[in-house]
């Protein structure tokens, strides 16, 4: 799932993290950084699957343009072989 909209907030990240925590237990790693905007991530490993939840809310400049990007992303990736 990738959601890129202007109104994504840390509350959206927290709700998604709570839902994933109910299903998969607490994340292995969690980080929230506000130094250059807002960057939050949480990672779970379930069996041979890695689940990464990320929130990006970055403001910056590119020449004369002000860039503002927000996204909430959940990625599922196989990280090992399933045992049959």
Protein backbone atom coordinates (compact mmCIF):
# COMPACT_ATOMS: atom_id res chain seq x y z
CA UNK A 1 0.00 0.00 0.00
CA UNK A 2 1.34 3.41 -0.83
CA UNK A 3 -0.63 6.52 -0.04
CA UNK A 4 0.72 9.87 -1.18
CA UNK A 5 -1.61 12.64 -0.09
CA UNK A 6 -1.30 16.03 1.53
CA UNK A 7 -3.02 15.07 4.77
CA UNK A 8 -0.96 12.04 5.90
CA UNK A 9 0.08 12.54 9.54
CA UNK A 10 1.97 10.82 12.32
CA UNK A 11 -1.45 9.76 13.66
CA UNK A 12 -2.00 7.76 10.43
CA UNK A 13 1.38 6.09 10.94
CA UNK A 14 0.54 5.33 14.59
CA UNK A 15 -2.84 3.80 13.64
CA UNK A 16 -1.23 1.60 10.98
CA UNK A 17 1.53 0.60 13.40
CA UNK A 18 -1.05 -0.32 16.06
CA UNK A 19 -2.96 -2.47 13.55
CA UNK A 20 0.21 -4.27 12.47
CA UNK A 21 1.28 -4.70 16.11
CA UNK A 22 -2.07 -6.35 16.93
CA UNK A 23 -1.50 -8.81 14.12
CA UNK A 24 2.28 -9.37 14.32
CA UNK A 25 3.33 -8.25 17.84
CA UNK A 26 5.57 -5.19 18.45
CA UNK A 27 7.98 -4.20 15.66
CA UNK A 28 11.62 -5.30 15.80
CA UNK A 29 12.78 -1.76 15.13
CA UNK A 30 11.08 1.62 15.33
CA UNK A 31 12.41 5.10 14.55
CA UNK A 32 10.93 8.61 14.52
CA UNK A 33 13.14 11.48 13.31
CA UNK A 34 12.02 15.11 13.10
CA UNK A 35 15.33 16.75 12.17
CA UNK A 36 14.47 17.48 8.50
CA UNK A 37 10.70 17.08 8.51
CA UNK A 38 9.13 13.89 9.74
CA UNK A 39 10.46 10.41 9.09
CA UNK A 40 9.02 7.43 10.94
CA UNK A 41 9.54 3.73 10.34
CA UNK A 42 8.75 0.41 11.98
CA UNK A 43 9.89 -3.04 10.87
CA UNK A 44 8.57 -6.52 11.60
CA UNK A 45 9.96 -9.90 10.58
CA UNK A 46 7.35 -12.63 10.42
CA UNK A 47 8.60 -16.00 9.24
CA UNK A 48 10.31 -15.31 5.94
CA UNK A 49 8.57 -11.95 5.41
CA UNK A 50 9.82 -8.47 6.25
CA UNK A 51 7.13 -5.83 6.81
CA UNK A 52 8.19 -2.17 6.74
CA UNK A 53 5.90 0.74 7.57
CA UNK A 54 7.28 4.17 6.62
CA UNK A 55 6.00 7.73 6.88
CA UNK A 56 7.82 10.53 5.07
CA UNK A 57 6.90 14.19 5.41
CA UNK A 58 9.79 16.11 3.89
CA UNK A 59 10.03 19.80 3.11
CA UNK A 60 12.90 21.26 1.14
CA UNK A 61 14.03 23.47 -1.69
CA UNK A 62 15.10 22.69 -5.22
CA UNK A 63 16.33 25.97 -6.65
CA UNK A 64 13.44 28.41 -6.39
CA UNK A 65 10.85 25.69 -5.77
CA UNK A 66 9.67 24.55 -2.38
CA UNK A 67 9.13 20.80 -2.34
CA UNK A 68 6.79 19.10 0.13
CA UNK A 69 6.37 15.34 -0.08
CA UNK A 70 4.20 13.16 2.17
CA UNK A 71 3.74 9.42 1.90
CA UNK A 72 2.68 6.46 4.00
CA UNK A 73 4.01 3.15 2.72
CA UNK A 74 3.72 -0.49 3.81
CA UNK A 75 6.07 -2.96 2.11
CA UNK A 76 5.96 -6.75 2.39
CA UNK A 77 9.08 -8.54 1.15
CA UNK A 78 10.18 -12.17 1.29
CA UNK A 79 13.58 -12.29 3.02
CA UNK A 80 14.17 -16.04 3.20
CA UNK A 81 13.04 -19.39 1.92
CA UNK A 82 9.91 -20.98 3.29
CA UNK A 83 10.45 -24.44 4.77
CA UNK A 84 8.14 -26.95 3.13
